[in-house]
Protein backbone atom coordinates (compact mmCIF):
# COMPACT_ATOMS: atom_id res chain seq x y z
CA MET A 1 0.00 0.00 0.00
CA PRO A 2 1.90 3.06 -1.13
CA THR A 3 1.20 6.34 0.56
CA PHE A 4 1.90 9.77 -0.74
CA SER A 5 1.41 13.34 0.33
CA CYS A 6 -0.20 16.32 -1.28
CA PRO A 7 2.11 19.28 -1.93
CA THR A 8 2.54 21.42 1.19
CA ALA A 9 1.19 24.45 -0.67
CA VAL A 10 -2.27 22.93 -0.33
CA THR A 11 -3.86 24.57 2.69
CA SER A 12 -7.27 22.93 2.78
CA ILE A 13 -7.78 19.21 2.68
CA THR A 14 -10.29 17.99 0.16
CA ALA A 15 -10.80 14.72 -1.64
CA SER A 16 -9.94 16.48 -4.90
CA CYS A 17 -6.36 17.01 -3.69
CA ALA A 18 -5.64 13.30 -4.11
CA LEU A 19 -6.88 13.35 -7.65
CA THR A 20 -4.84 16.22 -9.04
CA PRO A 21 -2.51 15.25 -11.88
CA THR A 22 0.43 16.82 -10.02
CA VAL A 23 0.00 14.51 -7.03
CA LEU A 24 -0.46 11.40 -9.17
CA VAL A 25 2.56 12.24 -11.36
CA SER A 26 4.66 12.99 -8.26
CA PHE A 27 3.62 9.66 -6.74
CA SER A 28 4.61 7.73 -9.88
CA TYR A 29 7.86 9.67 -10.26
CA ALA A 30 8.93 9.00 -6.66
CA THR A 31 7.79 5.37 -6.36
CA GLY A 32 7.63 3.76 -9.80
CA TRP A 33 3.98 2.81 -9.16
CA ARG A 34 0.82 4.30 -10.71
CA ALA A 35 -2.00 4.56 -8.16
CA HIS A 36 -5.55 3.90 -9.31
CA GLY A 37 -8.90 3.05 -7.84
CA PRO A 38 -10.17 5.13 -4.97
CA ILE A 39 -7.52 7.43 -3.49
CA ARG A 40 -8.55 8.64 -0.05
CA TYR A 41 -7.26 11.25 2.36
CA MET A 42 -6.12 9.61 5.63
CA LEU A 43 -4.53 12.24 7.85
CA SER A 44 -2.01 15.05 8.14
CA THR A 45 1.15 15.06 10.23
CA HIS A 46 3.94 17.46 11.17
CA PRO A 47 7.05 15.23 11.15
CA SER A 48 9.42 17.75 12.74
CA PRO A 49 7.40 20.20 14.84
CA GLY A 50 9.50 22.98 16.26
CA LEU A 51 12.24 22.47 13.68
CA VAL A 52 10.51 23.04 10.35
CA GLN A 53 7.04 23.96 9.18
CA SER A 54 6.21 20.97 7.04
CA GLU A 55 2.75 19.49 7.03
CA HIS A 56 2.43 16.15 5.23
CA HIS A 57 -1.04 15.24 3.94
CA ILE A 58 -1.25 11.47 3.60
CA PHE A 59 -3.52 9.67 1.16
CA ARG A 60 -4.19 5.98 0.65
CA ALA A 61 -4.38 3.99 -2.55
CA ASP A 62 -5.22 0.30 -2.22
CA ASP A 63 -4.27 -0.59 -5.77
CA ALA A 64 -1.40 0.39 -8.04
CA THR A 65 0.44 -0.85 -11.09
CA TYR A 66 4.23 -1.10 -11.23
CA ILE A 67 5.49 1.05 -14.11
CA GLY A 68 9.26 0.87 -13.54
CA PRO A 69 11.97 2.00 -11.14
CA PRO A 70 11.49 5.39 -9.47
CA GLU A 71 12.74 8.27 -11.59
CA ASP A 72 13.88 10.14 -8.50
CA SER A 73 15.96 7.69 -6.45
CA HIS A 74 16.63 10.15 -3.59
CA GLU A 75 12.96 9.97 -2.51
CA SER A 76 13.42 6.63 -0.72
CA ASP A 77 15.83 3.77 -0.12
CA ARG A 78 13.40 1.05 -1.13
CA VAL A 79 9.93 0.99 -2.68
CA GLU A 80 7.83 -2.15 -2.87
CA TRP A 81 4.27 -3.38 -2.46
CA VAL A 82 4.08 -5.16 0.91
CA PRO A 83 1.10 -7.12 2.30
CA LEU A 84 -0.29 -5.56 5.49
CA ALA A 85 0.47 -8.75 7.44
CA GLU A 86 4.20 -8.12 6.88
CA ILE A 87 4.22 -4.50 8.09
CA ARG A 88 4.49 -5.04 11.88
CA PRO A 89 7.49 -7.39 11.57
CA LEU A 90 9.25 -4.89 9.26
CA ILE A 91 8.64 -2.11 11.78
CA SER A 92 9.84 -4.32 14.67
CA LYS A 93 13.05 -5.14 12.78
CA GLN A 94 13.50 -1.38 12.13
CA GLU A 95 13.39 -1.92 8.38
CA ILE A 96 10.78 0.87 8.21
CA THR A 97 11.91 3.91 10.19
CA ALA A 98 10.80 7.01 8.26
CA GLY A 99 8.44 9.00 10.49
CA THR A 100 5.73 9.90 7.98
CA THR A 101 5.73 6.35 6.59
CA LEU A 102 5.34 4.96 10.12
CA VAL A 103 2.46 7.33 10.88
CA ALA A 104 0.68 6.24 7.69
CA LEU A 105 1.26 2.52 8.16
CA LEU A 106 0.34 2.49 11.85
CA HIS A 107 -2.84 4.40 11.02
CA VAL A 108 -3.75 1.78 8.39
CA LEU A 109 -2.94 -1.08 10.77
CA SER A 110 -5.10 0.45 13.50
CA ASP A 111 -8.07 0.29 11.11
CA SER A 112 -7.47 -3.31 10.04
């Protein structure tokens, strides 16, 4: 389940934010996956409060198609589609440590 964020210039959260071409292109560019199906807003987070003003708006896509390696390799160390059942062990082994990714995944796991 890939997650992605809306550009920080967006000040109001609406369902249409997830559907803008800019967000979908950015998601594909950074991950190598093309999200489709319903794309839903999940939550917003401030990953470094007190240090930087950076609000991350997190959306969820339950389906995506692999289109090739990410075009922007500095976005992440590793990108892959992982079944939800494997998420907790990956977090426990500290294979997933990025703050915004953890917030998104733990939110999804709390709903499952």
